[in-house]
């Protein structure tokens, strides 16, 4: 990606998902999840918990889609797992700074992203395989 190119918006990325091949869908979905995590963080900082909640919902949904597409295509599993691990770490940091009333949805997102990671790791390293 060239530095002169402008960063794509979340809506532009979402529009590209339907037209992309299955392996590219996984990468696009993880990009959307990462951008939405940044948006959620900004919304919590701006004391806009409703907007943050919407962004968190997308973080989880698109991370799960990225997992599904990467497992189906057998592509980008390691990259997606690393991205999801990074997002989980950021969510843990966020969980410690948001108000008590905003913690449950963040904790739920962390739990679901950990499940996404577990699924990706299980697909990459099946039990009993040599």
N, C-alpha and C. Protein backbone atom coordinates (compact mmCIF):
# COMPACT_ATOMS: atom_id res chain seq x y z
N UNK A 1 0.85 -1.17 0.00
CA UNK A 1 0.00 0.00 0.00
C UNK A 1 0.89 1.24 0.00
N UNK A 2 0.69 2.12 -0.93
CA UNK A 2 1.55 3.29 -1.03
C UNK A 2 1.15 4.34 0.00
N UNK A 3 2.12 5.09 0.50
CA UNK A 3 1.81 6.09 1.53
C UNK A 3 0.93 7.23 1.01
N UNK A 4 0.96 7.48 -0.30
CA UNK A 4 0.16 8.56 -0.87
C UNK A 4 -1.33 8.19 -0.89
N UNK A 5 -1.61 6.92 -0.84
CA UNK A 5 -2.99 6.44 -0.90
C UNK A 5 -3.72 6.78 0.39
N UNK A 6 -4.95 7.26 0.25
CA UNK A 6 -5.69 7.62 1.46
C UNK A 6 -6.21 6.37 2.14
N UNK A 7 -6.31 6.45 3.44
CA UNK A 7 -6.81 5.35 4.26
C UNK A 7 -8.30 5.15 3.93
N UNK A 8 -8.69 3.88 3.75
CA UNK A 8 -10.09 3.62 3.43
C UNK A 8 -10.96 3.70 4.67
N UNK A 9 -12.18 4.18 4.47
CA UNK A 9 -13.10 4.27 5.60
C UNK A 9 -13.67 2.88 5.89
N UNK A 10 -14.27 2.76 7.05
CA UNK A 10 -14.89 1.50 7.44
C UNK A 10 -15.97 1.11 6.44
N UNK A 11 -16.78 2.08 6.01
CA UNK A 11 -17.85 1.79 5.05
C UNK A 11 -17.29 1.33 3.71
N UNK A 12 -16.17 1.92 3.28
CA UNK A 12 -15.55 1.49 2.02
C UNK A 12 -15.04 0.05 2.14
N UNK A 13 -14.44 -0.25 3.27
CA UNK A 13 -13.96 -1.62 3.48
C UNK A 13 -15.12 -2.61 3.51
N UNK A 14 -16.20 -2.23 4.21
CA UNK A 14 -17.37 -3.11 4.27
C UNK A 14 -17.93 -3.36 2.88
N UNK A 15 -17.94 -2.34 2.04
CA UNK A 15 -18.45 -2.48 0.67
C UNK A 15 -17.57 -3.42 -0.15
N UNK A 16 -16.27 -3.44 0.12
CA UNK A 16 -15.35 -4.30 -0.63
C UNK A 16 -15.48 -5.77 -0.25
N UNK A 17 -15.94 -6.05 0.97
CA UNK A 17 -15.99 -7.43 1.45
C UNK A 17 -16.82 -8.32 0.53
N UNK A 18 -18.01 -7.86 0.13
CA UNK A 18 -18.89 -8.73 -0.65
C UNK A 18 -18.30 -9.08 -2.02
N UNK A 19 -17.48 -8.20 -2.59
CA UNK A 19 -16.93 -8.45 -3.92
C UNK A 19 -15.60 -9.22 -3.87
N UNK A 20 -15.01 -9.31 -2.70
CA UNK A 20 -13.67 -9.91 -2.58
C UNK A 20 -13.73 -11.43 -2.63
N UNK A 21 -12.58 -12.05 -2.99
CA UNK A 21 -12.53 -13.51 -2.90
C UNK A 21 -12.41 -13.89 -1.43
N UNK A 22 -12.60 -15.15 -1.14
CA UNK A 22 -12.73 -15.59 0.26
C UNK A 22 -11.48 -15.29 1.10
N UNK A 23 -10.30 -15.44 0.54
CA UNK A 23 -9.07 -15.17 1.30
C UNK A 23 -8.95 -13.67 1.59
N UNK A 24 -9.30 -12.84 0.62
CA UNK A 24 -9.23 -11.39 0.83
C UNK A 24 -10.31 -10.91 1.80
N UNK A 25 -11.44 -11.61 1.82
CA UNK A 25 -12.51 -11.25 2.77
C UNK A 25 -11.99 -11.32 4.20
N UNK A 26 -11.19 -12.34 4.49
CA UNK A 26 -10.64 -12.50 5.84
C UNK A 26 -9.80 -11.28 6.22
N UNK A 27 -8.93 -10.85 5.31
CA UNK A 27 -8.06 -9.70 5.60
C UNK A 27 -8.88 -8.41 5.73
N UNK A 28 -9.88 -8.23 4.86
CA UNK A 28 -10.72 -7.04 4.93
C UNK A 28 -11.49 -7.00 6.25
N UNK A 29 -12.03 -8.15 6.65
CA UNK A 29 -12.80 -8.21 7.90
C UNK A 29 -11.94 -7.86 9.10
N UNK A 30 -10.70 -8.33 9.12
CA UNK A 30 -9.83 -8.02 10.26
C UNK A 30 -9.46 -6.53 10.25
N UNK A 31 -9.31 -5.94 9.07
CA UNK A 31 -9.04 -4.50 8.98
C UNK A 31 -10.22 -3.71 9.55
N UNK A 32 -11.44 -4.12 9.20
CA UNK A 32 -12.63 -3.46 9.71
C UNK A 32 -12.68 -3.57 11.23
N UNK A 33 -12.41 -4.77 11.75
CA UNK A 33 -12.43 -4.98 13.21
C UNK A 33 -11.41 -4.06 13.90
N UNK A 34 -10.21 -3.95 13.32
CA UNK A 34 -9.18 -3.11 13.93
C UNK A 34 -9.59 -1.64 13.92
N UNK A 35 -10.16 -1.19 12.81
CA UNK A 35 -10.61 0.21 12.74
C UNK A 35 -11.75 0.46 13.72
N UNK A 36 -12.65 -0.50 13.86
CA UNK A 36 -13.77 -0.34 14.78
C UNK A 36 -13.29 -0.34 16.23
N UNK A 37 -12.23 -1.08 16.52
CA UNK A 37 -11.68 -1.07 17.87
C UNK A 37 -11.13 0.33 18.19
N UNK A 38 -10.44 0.93 17.23
CA UNK A 38 -9.94 2.29 17.40
C UNK A 38 -11.11 3.25 17.61
N UNK A 39 -12.17 3.07 16.83
CA UNK A 39 -13.36 3.92 16.96
C UNK A 39 -14.01 3.73 18.33
N UNK A 40 -14.08 2.49 18.81
CA UNK A 40 -14.67 2.22 20.13
C UNK A 40 -13.85 2.91 21.21
N UNK A 41 -12.54 2.82 21.12
CA UNK A 41 -11.66 3.45 22.10
C UNK A 41 -11.91 4.96 22.13
N UNK A 42 -11.98 5.57 20.94
CA UNK A 42 -12.22 7.02 20.86
C UNK A 42 -13.59 7.37 21.43
N UNK A 43 -14.59 6.54 21.14
CA UNK A 43 -15.94 6.81 21.64
C UNK A 43 -16.00 6.71 23.16
N UNK A 44 -15.33 5.71 23.74
CA UNK A 44 -15.28 5.61 25.21
C UNK A 44 -14.58 6.84 25.78
N UNK A 45 -13.49 7.27 25.15
CA UNK A 45 -12.75 8.44 25.63
C UNK A 45 -13.59 9.71 25.55
N UNK A 46 -14.45 9.78 24.53
CA UNK A 46 -15.32 10.95 24.34
C UNK A 46 -16.61 10.83 25.14
N UNK A 47 -16.70 9.80 25.99
CA UNK A 47 -17.88 9.55 26.82
C UNK A 47 -19.14 9.37 25.95
N UNK A 48 -18.99 8.54 24.91
CA UNK A 48 -20.11 8.19 24.02
C UNK A 48 -20.26 6.67 24.04
N UNK A 49 -20.77 6.11 25.16
CA UNK A 49 -20.81 4.65 25.30
C UNK A 49 -21.70 3.95 24.26
N UNK A 50 -22.74 4.63 23.77
CA UNK A 50 -23.60 3.99 22.75
C UNK A 50 -22.83 3.77 21.46
N UNK A 51 -22.10 4.80 21.01
CA UNK A 51 -21.28 4.66 19.80
C UNK A 51 -20.20 3.62 20.00
N UNK A 52 -19.61 3.62 21.19
CA UNK A 52 -18.55 2.65 21.49
C UNK A 52 -19.11 1.23 21.43
N UNK A 53 -20.31 1.06 21.95
CA UNK A 53 -20.97 -0.25 21.95
C UNK A 53 -21.20 -0.76 20.52
N UNK A 54 -21.65 0.14 19.63
CA UNK A 54 -21.85 -0.24 18.21
C UNK A 54 -20.53 -0.68 17.59
N UNK A 55 -19.48 0.07 17.86
CA UNK A 55 -18.16 -0.28 17.32
C UNK A 55 -17.67 -1.61 17.88
N UNK A 56 -17.89 -1.84 19.17
CA UNK A 56 -17.49 -3.12 19.79
C UNK A 56 -18.21 -4.29 19.14
N UNK A 57 -19.49 -4.10 18.84
CA UNK A 57 -20.27 -5.15 18.18
C UNK A 57 -19.64 -5.51 16.84
N UNK A 58 -19.22 -4.49 16.09
CA UNK A 58 -18.55 -4.73 14.81
C UNK A 58 -17.20 -5.41 14.99
N UNK A 59 -16.46 -5.02 16.03
CA UNK A 59 -15.15 -5.64 16.30
C UNK A 59 -15.34 -7.16 16.40
N UNK A 60 -16.32 -7.56 17.21
CA UNK A 60 -16.56 -8.99 17.42
C UNK A 60 -17.07 -9.65 16.15
N UNK A 61 -18.07 -9.04 15.52
CA UNK A 61 -18.68 -9.65 14.33
C UNK A 61 -17.66 -9.83 13.20
N UNK A 62 -16.87 -8.80 12.94
CA UNK A 62 -15.92 -8.89 11.84
C UNK A 62 -14.72 -9.76 12.18
N UNK A 63 -14.36 -9.85 13.46
CA UNK A 63 -13.30 -10.78 13.85
C UNK A 63 -13.77 -12.22 13.63
N UNK A 64 -15.03 -12.48 13.96
CA UNK A 64 -15.59 -13.82 13.75
C UNK A 64 -15.68 -14.14 12.26
N UNK A 65 -16.06 -13.16 11.45
CA UNK A 65 -16.10 -13.38 10.00
C UNK A 65 -14.70 -13.64 9.46
N UNK A 66 -13.72 -12.87 9.93
CA UNK A 66 -12.34 -13.06 9.48
C UNK A 66 -11.88 -14.47 9.80
N UNK A 67 -12.20 -14.94 11.01
CA UNK A 67 -11.86 -16.32 11.40
C UNK A 67 -12.50 -17.31 10.44
N UNK A 68 -13.79 -17.15 10.19
CA UNK A 68 -14.51 -18.09 9.33
C UNK A 68 -13.93 -18.12 7.92
N UNK A 69 -13.68 -16.94 7.35
CA UNK A 69 -13.15 -16.87 5.98
C UNK A 69 -11.73 -17.45 5.92
N UNK A 70 -10.90 -17.17 6.92
CA UNK A 70 -9.53 -17.67 6.87
C UNK A 70 -9.49 -19.18 7.05
N UNK A 71 -10.36 -19.72 7.89
CA UNK A 71 -10.39 -21.18 8.07
C UNK A 71 -10.92 -21.85 6.80
N UNK A 72 -11.94 -21.26 6.17
CA UNK A 72 -12.48 -21.82 4.92
C UNK A 72 -11.43 -21.82 3.82
N UNK A 73 -10.70 -20.72 3.70
CA UNK A 73 -9.74 -20.58 2.60
C UNK A 73 -8.36 -21.16 2.94
N UNK A 74 -8.13 -21.48 4.22
CA UNK A 74 -6.82 -21.94 4.68
C UNK A 74 -5.74 -20.91 4.38
N UNK A 75 -6.11 -19.63 4.43
CA UNK A 75 -5.17 -18.54 4.17
C UNK A 75 -5.24 -17.52 5.30
N UNK A 76 -4.12 -16.90 5.58
CA UNK A 76 -4.02 -15.78 6.52
C UNK A 76 -4.40 -16.14 7.96
N UNK A 77 -4.44 -17.42 8.31
CA UNK A 77 -4.85 -17.79 9.67
C UNK A 77 -3.90 -17.21 10.70
N UNK A 78 -2.60 -17.29 10.45
CA UNK A 78 -1.62 -16.79 11.41
C UNK A 78 -1.76 -15.27 11.56
N UNK A 79 -1.89 -14.57 10.43
CA UNK A 79 -2.02 -13.11 10.48
C UNK A 79 -3.28 -12.70 11.24
N UNK A 80 -4.36 -13.40 10.99
CA UNK A 80 -5.63 -13.07 11.66
C UNK A 80 -5.50 -13.36 13.15
N UNK A 81 -4.89 -14.48 13.50
CA UNK A 81 -4.72 -14.83 14.91
C UNK A 81 -3.90 -13.76 15.63
N UNK A 82 -2.84 -13.30 15.00
CA UNK A 82 -1.99 -12.26 15.60
C UNK A 82 -2.78 -10.97 15.76
N UNK A 83 -3.54 -10.59 14.73
CA UNK A 83 -4.35 -9.37 14.80
C UNK A 83 -5.39 -9.46 15.91
N UNK A 84 -6.02 -10.62 16.03
CA UNK A 84 -7.05 -10.81 17.07
C UNK A 84 -6.40 -10.78 18.46
N UNK A 85 -5.22 -11.37 18.58
CA UNK A 85 -4.51 -11.34 19.87
C UNK A 85 -4.20 -9.89 20.25
N UNK A 86 -3.75 -9.10 19.29
CA UNK A 86 -3.46 -7.69 19.54
C UNK A 86 -4.72 -6.93 19.95
N UNK A 87 -5.82 -7.20 19.25
CA UNK A 87 -7.08 -6.53 19.60
C UNK A 87 -7.55 -6.95 21.00
N UNK A 88 -7.35 -8.21 21.35
CA UNK A 88 -7.73 -8.68 22.69
C UNK A 88 -6.92 -7.94 23.75
N UNK A 89 -5.63 -7.76 23.49
CA UNK A 89 -4.77 -7.03 24.43
C UNK A 89 -5.27 -5.59 24.59
N UNK A 90 -5.61 -4.94 23.47
CA UNK A 90 -6.11 -3.56 23.53
C UNK A 90 -7.44 -3.49 24.28
N UNK A 91 -8.29 -4.49 24.06
CA UNK A 91 -9.56 -4.52 24.78
C UNK A 91 -9.34 -4.70 26.28
N UNK A 92 -8.36 -5.51 26.66
CA UNK A 92 -8.04 -5.68 28.08
C UNK A 92 -7.59 -4.36 28.70
N UNK A 93 -6.77 -3.61 27.96
CA UNK A 93 -6.34 -2.30 28.43
C UNK A 93 -7.55 -1.37 28.56
N UNK A 94 -8.42 -1.40 27.57
CA UNK A 94 -9.63 -0.57 27.57
C UNK A 94 -10.53 -0.94 28.75
N UNK A 95 -10.65 -2.23 29.01
CA UNK A 95 -11.51 -2.72 30.09
C UNK A 95 -11.10 -2.12 31.43
N UNK A 96 -9.80 -1.90 31.60
CA UNK A 96 -9.30 -1.35 32.87
C UNK A 96 -9.52 0.15 33.01
N UNK A 97 -9.78 0.85 31.91
CA UNK A 97 -9.92 2.31 32.00
C UNK A 97 -11.36 2.79 31.85
N UNK A 98 -12.26 1.96 31.29
CA UNK A 98 -13.65 2.41 31.14
C UNK A 98 -14.36 2.34 32.50
N UNK A 99 -15.46 3.07 32.59
CA UNK A 99 -16.24 3.05 33.82
C UNK A 99 -16.84 1.68 34.06
N UNK A 100 -17.19 1.42 35.31
CA UNK A 100 -17.72 0.12 35.70
C UNK A 100 -18.95 -0.28 34.86
N UNK A 101 -19.80 0.68 34.54
CA UNK A 101 -21.01 0.37 33.76
C UNK A 101 -20.71 -0.02 32.32
N UNK A 102 -19.53 0.36 31.82
CA UNK A 102 -19.14 0.02 30.44
C UNK A 102 -18.28 -1.23 30.36
N UNK A 103 -17.92 -1.81 31.50
CA UNK A 103 -17.03 -2.97 31.48
C UNK A 103 -17.66 -4.26 30.93
N UNK A 104 -18.93 -4.58 31.26
CA UNK A 104 -19.47 -5.87 30.78
C UNK A 104 -19.41 -6.07 29.26
N UNK A 105 -19.80 -5.06 28.43
CA UNK A 105 -19.69 -5.31 26.98
C UNK A 105 -18.25 -5.48 26.51
N UNK A 106 -17.32 -4.79 27.15
CA UNK A 106 -15.90 -4.93 26.78
C UNK A 106 -15.44 -6.34 27.16
N UNK A 107 -15.82 -6.81 28.34
CA UNK A 107 -15.43 -8.15 28.78
C UNK A 107 -16.02 -9.21 27.85
N UNK A 108 -17.28 -9.01 27.43
CA UNK A 108 -17.92 -9.95 26.49
C UNK A 108 -17.15 -9.99 25.17
N UNK A 109 -16.72 -8.82 24.68
CA UNK A 109 -15.94 -8.76 23.44
C UNK A 109 -14.62 -9.51 23.60
N UNK A 110 -13.98 -9.34 24.76
CA UNK A 110 -12.71 -10.05 25.03
C UNK A 110 -12.94 -11.56 24.99
N UNK A 111 -13.99 -12.01 25.65
CA UNK A 111 -14.29 -13.45 25.70
C UNK A 111 -14.51 -14.00 24.29
N UNK A 112 -15.27 -13.27 23.48
CA UNK A 112 -15.56 -13.76 22.12
C UNK A 112 -14.32 -13.74 21.24
N UNK A 113 -13.46 -12.73 21.40
CA UNK A 113 -12.22 -12.69 20.61
C UNK A 113 -11.28 -13.81 21.03
N UNK A 114 -11.27 -14.14 22.32
CA UNK A 114 -10.45 -15.27 22.76
C UNK A 114 -10.94 -16.57 22.13
N UNK A 115 -12.25 -16.70 21.96
CA UNK A 115 -12.81 -17.88 21.30
C UNK A 115 -12.39 -17.92 19.83
N UNK A 116 -12.38 -16.74 19.19
CA UNK A 116 -11.93 -16.65 17.78
C UNK A 116 -10.48 -17.14 17.68
N UNK A 117 -9.64 -16.68 18.59
CA UNK A 117 -8.23 -17.11 18.60
C UNK A 117 -8.11 -18.61 18.80
N UNK A 118 -8.88 -19.13 19.76
CA UNK A 118 -8.84 -20.57 20.02
C UNK A 118 -9.22 -21.36 18.77
N UNK A 119 -10.26 -20.89 18.07
CA UNK A 119 -10.70 -21.58 16.84
C UNK A 119 -9.61 -21.53 15.77
N UNK A 120 -8.97 -20.39 15.63
CA UNK A 120 -7.89 -20.26 14.63
C UNK A 120 -6.72 -21.16 14.99
N UNK A 121 -6.34 -21.17 16.26
CA UNK A 121 -5.22 -22.02 16.68
C UNK A 121 -5.56 -23.50 16.49
N UNK A 122 -6.81 -23.87 16.77
CA UNK A 122 -7.23 -25.26 16.56
C UNK A 122 -7.19 -25.64 15.09
N UNK A 123 -7.54 -24.68 14.21
CA UNK A 123 -7.49 -24.95 12.77
C UNK A 123 -6.04 -25.06 12.27
N UNK A 124 -5.16 -24.26 12.86
CA UNK A 124 -3.75 -24.28 12.42
C UNK A 124 -3.01 -25.49 12.99
N UNK A 125 -3.38 -25.89 14.20
CA UNK A 125 -2.68 -26.97 14.89
C UNK A 125 -3.69 -28.02 15.37
N UNK A 126 -4.22 -28.81 14.44
CA UNK A 126 -5.23 -29.82 14.86
C UNK A 126 -4.62 -30.83 15.83
N UNK A 127 -5.42 -31.20 16.81
CA UNK A 127 -4.94 -32.19 17.80
C UNK A 127 -4.74 -33.53 17.09
N UNK A 128 -3.66 -34.19 17.45
CA UNK A 128 -3.40 -35.51 16.89
C UNK A 128 -2.69 -35.48 15.55
N UNK A 129 -2.56 -34.31 14.93
CA UNK A 129 -1.88 -34.25 13.63
C UNK A 129 -0.38 -34.25 13.86
N UNK A 130 0.34 -34.89 12.91
CA UNK A 130 1.80 -34.92 13.02
C UNK A 130 2.42 -34.38 11.77
